[in-house]
Amino acid sequence: MTKRTKTELAAQVTSNLPDNTAGLIGPDNIRAVFTDVGDSLVFWSDSAPSSITDTGVVGEIKIAGTVIESITVYHLYVCVATNVWRRTELTSF
């Protein structure tokens, strides 16, 4: 998978799906763009960063569970700056 920024993805979509005033964009064009762009999207990963300075890009999200005394505790990890992670515990509601 190739990670790309929102700006890079937007530029790719714009270049592959230009202004459609002539009505030349068809379903195949749209499918091709979204198949490629979708490969770049990672909404979350089920692995925890190994440390607060583990490799990461801004906006990357991970969810992972840790077993503590036979109870699984889940955390949401968010990369807030290049290689800088923060986490919060996920609780029942």
N, C-alpha and C. Protein backbone atom coordinates (compact mmCIF):
# COMPACT_ATOMS: atom_id res chain seq x y z
N MET A 1 0.84 -1.17 0.00
CA MET A 1 0.00 0.00 0.00
C MET A 1 0.89 1.24 0.00
N THR A 2 0.48 2.23 -0.74
CA THR A 2 1.19 3.49 -0.79
C THR A 2 0.44 4.51 0.04
N LYS A 3 1.09 5.05 1.06
CA LYS A 3 0.45 6.10 1.86
C LYS A 3 0.64 7.43 1.16
N ARG A 4 -0.45 8.15 1.00
CA ARG A 4 -0.40 9.46 0.38
C ARG A 4 -1.17 10.45 1.24
N THR A 5 -0.77 11.70 1.15
CA THR A 5 -1.46 12.73 1.92
C THR A 5 -2.81 13.04 1.27
N LYS A 6 -3.65 13.73 2.01
CA LYS A 6 -4.95 14.14 1.48
C LYS A 6 -4.76 15.01 0.24
N THR A 7 -3.76 15.88 0.25
CA THR A 7 -3.48 16.76 -0.89
C THR A 7 -3.07 15.94 -2.11
N GLU A 8 -2.21 14.94 -1.89
CA GLU A 8 -1.79 14.08 -3.00
C GLU A 8 -2.96 13.30 -3.58
N LEU A 9 -3.83 12.78 -2.71
CA LEU A 9 -5.00 12.04 -3.18
C LEU A 9 -5.95 12.94 -3.95
N ALA A 10 -6.17 14.15 -3.44
CA ALA A 10 -7.07 15.10 -4.11
C ALA A 10 -6.52 15.47 -5.49
N ALA A 11 -5.22 15.67 -5.58
CA ALA A 11 -4.61 16.01 -6.87
C ALA A 11 -4.77 14.86 -7.86
N GLN A 12 -4.62 13.63 -7.37
CA GLN A 12 -4.77 12.48 -8.25
C GLN A 12 -6.20 12.36 -8.76
N VAL A 13 -7.16 12.52 -7.86
CA VAL A 13 -8.56 12.44 -8.28
C VAL A 13 -8.88 13.54 -9.27
N THR A 14 -8.41 14.75 -9.01
CA THR A 14 -8.66 15.88 -9.91
C THR A 14 -8.06 15.63 -11.28
N SER A 15 -6.85 15.08 -11.31
CA SER A 15 -6.21 14.84 -12.61
C SER A 15 -6.87 13.70 -13.36
N ASN A 16 -7.38 12.70 -12.64
CA ASN A 16 -8.03 11.57 -13.30
C ASN A 16 -9.51 11.79 -13.57
N LEU A 17 -10.12 12.69 -12.83
CA LEU A 17 -11.53 13.03 -13.05
C LEU A 17 -11.65 14.54 -13.23
N PRO A 18 -11.24 15.04 -14.40
CA PRO A 18 -11.30 16.49 -14.62
C PRO A 18 -12.75 16.99 -14.70
N ASP A 19 -12.89 18.28 -14.87
CA ASP A 19 -14.21 18.90 -14.99
C ASP A 19 -15.06 18.12 -15.99
N ASN A 20 -16.24 17.75 -15.62
CA ASN A 20 -17.08 16.90 -16.46
C ASN A 20 -18.12 17.68 -17.24
N THR A 21 -17.83 18.90 -17.64
CA THR A 21 -18.81 19.70 -18.36
C THR A 21 -19.16 19.09 -19.71
N ALA A 22 -18.26 18.32 -20.30
CA ALA A 22 -18.55 17.68 -21.59
C ALA A 22 -19.24 16.33 -21.41
N GLY A 23 -19.38 15.87 -20.16
CA GLY A 23 -20.07 14.62 -19.90
C GLY A 23 -19.30 13.39 -20.36
N LEU A 24 -17.97 13.47 -20.32
CA LEU A 24 -17.14 12.37 -20.82
C LEU A 24 -16.71 11.37 -19.74
N ILE A 25 -16.97 11.67 -18.48
CA ILE A 25 -16.57 10.76 -17.41
C ILE A 25 -17.66 9.71 -17.24
N GLY A 26 -17.23 8.46 -17.29
CA GLY A 26 -18.17 7.36 -17.14
C GLY A 26 -17.90 6.56 -15.88
N PRO A 27 -18.74 5.58 -15.60
CA PRO A 27 -18.57 4.76 -14.40
C PRO A 27 -17.21 4.07 -14.33
N ASP A 28 -16.67 3.63 -15.47
CA ASP A 28 -15.36 2.97 -15.46
C ASP A 28 -14.26 3.92 -14.99
N ASN A 29 -14.34 5.20 -15.40
CA ASN A 29 -13.35 6.18 -14.95
C ASN A 29 -13.41 6.35 -13.43
N ILE A 30 -14.59 6.44 -12.91
CA ILE A 30 -14.78 6.65 -11.47
C ILE A 30 -14.30 5.43 -10.69
N ARG A 31 -14.66 4.23 -11.15
CA ARG A 31 -14.21 3.01 -10.47
C ARG A 31 -12.70 2.91 -10.45
N ALA A 32 -12.05 3.24 -11.56
CA ALA A 32 -10.58 3.16 -11.63
C ALA A 32 -9.94 4.09 -10.61
N VAL A 33 -10.43 5.31 -10.49
CA VAL A 33 -9.86 6.27 -9.55
C VAL A 33 -10.09 5.82 -8.12
N PHE A 34 -11.30 5.41 -7.78
CA PHE A 34 -11.58 5.04 -6.40
C PHE A 34 -10.92 3.73 -6.00
N THR A 35 -10.70 2.82 -6.95
CA THR A 35 -9.97 1.60 -6.62
C THR A 35 -8.55 1.95 -6.23
N ASP A 36 -7.90 2.85 -6.97
CA ASP A 36 -6.52 3.24 -6.66
C ASP A 36 -6.45 4.06 -5.39
N VAL A 37 -7.34 5.04 -5.24
CA VAL A 37 -7.35 5.89 -4.06
C VAL A 37 -7.68 5.07 -2.82
N GLY A 38 -8.61 4.14 -2.93
CA GLY A 38 -9.01 3.30 -1.80
C GLY A 38 -7.86 2.47 -1.26
N ASP A 39 -6.90 2.14 -2.13
CA ASP A 39 -5.74 1.37 -1.70
C ASP A 39 -4.86 2.19 -0.75
N SER A 40 -4.99 3.50 -0.77
CA SER A 40 -4.17 4.37 0.07
C SER A 40 -4.81 4.67 1.41
N LEU A 41 -6.06 4.33 1.58
CA LEU A 41 -6.77 4.69 2.80
C LEU A 41 -6.64 3.61 3.85
N VAL A 42 -6.18 3.99 5.01
CA VAL A 42 -6.15 3.09 6.15
C VAL A 42 -6.87 3.82 7.27
N PHE A 43 -8.05 3.35 7.61
CA PHE A 43 -8.80 4.02 8.66
C PHE A 43 -8.28 3.63 10.03
N TRP A 44 -7.85 2.39 10.18
CA TRP A 44 -7.23 1.99 11.43
C TRP A 44 -6.53 0.67 11.23
N SER A 45 -5.63 0.40 12.11
CA SER A 45 -4.87 -0.85 12.10
C SER A 45 -5.01 -1.46 13.49
N ASP A 46 -5.03 -2.80 13.56
CA ASP A 46 -5.22 -3.43 14.86
C ASP A 46 -3.89 -3.79 15.53
N SER A 47 -2.91 -2.93 15.37
CA SER A 47 -1.63 -3.14 16.05
C SER A 47 -1.23 -1.85 16.76
N ALA A 48 -0.72 -2.00 17.94
CA ALA A 48 -0.33 -0.83 18.73
C ALA A 48 1.07 -0.38 18.33
N PRO A 49 1.33 0.93 18.36
CA PRO A 49 2.70 1.40 18.18
C PRO A 49 3.58 0.81 19.29
N SER A 50 4.83 0.55 18.99
CA SER A 50 5.71 -0.05 19.99
C SER A 50 6.15 0.95 21.06
N SER A 51 6.07 2.24 20.73
CA SER A 51 6.43 3.30 21.68
C SER A 51 5.78 4.60 21.23
N ILE A 52 5.91 5.65 22.04
CA ILE A 52 5.31 6.94 21.65
C ILE A 52 6.05 7.58 20.48
N THR A 53 7.24 7.06 20.15
CA THR A 53 8.01 7.61 19.02
C THR A 53 8.11 6.61 17.87
N ASP A 54 7.21 5.62 17.84
CA ASP A 54 7.21 4.65 16.75
C ASP A 54 6.91 5.36 15.42
N THR A 55 7.32 4.77 14.33
CA THR A 55 7.10 5.36 13.01
C THR A 55 5.62 5.59 12.76
N GLY A 56 5.28 6.79 12.29
CA GLY A 56 3.89 7.10 11.97
C GLY A 56 3.77 8.42 11.24
N VAL A 57 2.66 8.58 10.53
CA VAL A 57 2.38 9.84 9.84
C VAL A 57 1.14 10.47 10.48
N VAL A 58 1.08 11.77 10.45
CA VAL A 58 -0.02 12.52 11.06
C VAL A 58 -1.37 11.98 10.58
N GLY A 59 -2.25 11.69 11.52
CA GLY A 59 -3.59 11.22 11.19
C GLY A 59 -3.73 9.72 11.16
N GLU A 60 -2.64 8.99 11.23
CA GLU A 60 -2.71 7.52 11.24
C GLU A 60 -3.37 7.08 12.55
N ILE A 61 -4.24 6.08 12.46
CA ILE A 61 -4.99 5.62 13.62
C ILE A 61 -4.79 4.13 13.79
N LYS A 62 -4.61 3.70 15.01
CA LYS A 62 -4.50 2.27 15.32
C LYS A 62 -5.35 1.97 16.54
N ILE A 63 -5.92 0.77 16.55
CA ILE A 63 -6.69 0.32 17.69
C ILE A 63 -6.11 -1.03 18.10
N ALA A 64 -5.84 -1.23 19.36
CA ALA A 64 -5.27 -2.50 19.81
C ALA A 64 -5.73 -2.81 21.22
N GLY A 65 -5.79 -4.10 21.49
CA GLY A 65 -6.16 -4.55 22.81
C GLY A 65 -4.97 -5.15 23.53
N THR A 66 -4.92 -4.93 24.83
CA THR A 66 -3.88 -5.50 25.69
C THR A 66 -4.56 -6.26 26.81
N VAL A 67 -4.14 -7.50 27.04
CA VAL A 67 -4.73 -8.30 28.11
C VAL A 67 -4.03 -7.98 29.42
N ILE A 68 -4.83 -7.53 30.39
CA ILE A 68 -4.34 -7.21 31.73
C ILE A 68 -5.18 -7.99 32.72
N GLU A 69 -4.55 -8.93 33.43
CA GLU A 69 -5.25 -9.78 34.40
C GLU A 69 -6.49 -10.41 33.79
N SER A 70 -6.33 -11.03 32.63
CA SER A 70 -7.36 -11.75 31.87
C SER A 70 -8.50 -10.86 31.34
N ILE A 71 -8.31 -9.56 31.37
CA ILE A 71 -9.28 -8.62 30.80
C ILE A 71 -8.59 -7.87 29.67
N THR A 72 -9.27 -7.80 28.51
CA THR A 72 -8.70 -7.07 27.38
C THR A 72 -9.07 -5.59 27.48
N VAL A 73 -8.06 -4.75 27.50
CA VAL A 73 -8.24 -3.30 27.54
C VAL A 73 -7.88 -2.77 26.16
N TYR A 74 -8.80 -2.01 25.55
CA TYR A 74 -8.56 -1.48 24.21
C TYR A 74 -8.14 -0.02 24.27
N HIS A 75 -7.19 0.34 23.40
CA HIS A 75 -6.73 1.72 23.28
C HIS A 75 -6.84 2.18 21.84
N LEU A 76 -7.11 3.45 21.68
CA LEU A 76 -7.10 4.12 20.39
C LEU A 76 -5.81 4.93 20.34
N TYR A 77 -4.99 4.69 19.32
CA TYR A 77 -3.72 5.39 19.15
C TYR A 77 -3.85 6.32 17.95
N VAL A 78 -3.39 7.55 18.09
CA VAL A 78 -3.44 8.52 17.01
C VAL A 78 -2.06 9.14 16.86
N CYS A 79 -1.57 9.16 15.62
CA CYS A 79 -0.30 9.82 15.34
C CYS A 79 -0.58 11.31 15.18
N VAL A 80 -0.05 12.13 16.08
CA VAL A 80 -0.36 13.56 16.11
C VAL A 80 0.71 14.42 15.43
N ALA A 81 1.87 13.85 15.18
CA ALA A 81 2.96 14.50 14.45
C ALA A 81 3.84 13.36 13.94
N THR A 82 4.72 13.65 13.02
CA THR A 82 5.58 12.59 12.49
C THR A 82 6.27 11.84 13.63
N ASN A 83 5.99 10.55 13.70
CA ASN A 83 6.57 9.66 14.72
C ASN A 83 6.25 10.06 16.16
N VAL A 84 5.08 10.65 16.38
CA VAL A 84 4.63 11.02 17.73
C VAL A 84 3.21 10.48 17.92
N TRP A 85 3.05 9.57 18.88
CA TRP A 85 1.77 8.91 19.13
C TRP A 85 1.17 9.32 20.47
N ARG A 86 -0.17 9.35 20.51
CA ARG A 86 -0.92 9.54 21.75
C ARG A 86 -1.98 8.44 21.79
N ARG A 87 -2.43 8.07 22.99
CA ARG A 87 -3.45 7.04 23.09
C ARG A 87 -4.48 7.41 24.14
N THR A 88 -5.64 6.78 24.02
CA THR A 88 -6.69 6.91 25.01
C THR A 88 -7.37 5.55 25.14
N GLU A 89 -7.84 5.25 26.34
CA GLU A 89 -8.51 3.98 26.58
C GLU A 89 -9.94 4.05 26.05
N LEU A 90 -10.38 2.96 25.44
CA LEU A 90 -11.75 2.85 24.97
C LEU A 90 -12.55 2.13 26.05
N THR A 91 -13.64 2.74 26.49
CA THR A 91 -14.45 2.16 27.56
C THR A 91 -15.86 1.89 27.08
N SER A 92 -16.56 1.05 27.80
CA SER A 92 -17.96 0.74 27.49
C SER A 92 -18.84 1.95 27.81
N PHE A 93 -19.96 1.99 27.15
CA PHE A 93 -20.92 3.07 27.46
C PHE A 93 -22.31 2.51 27.50
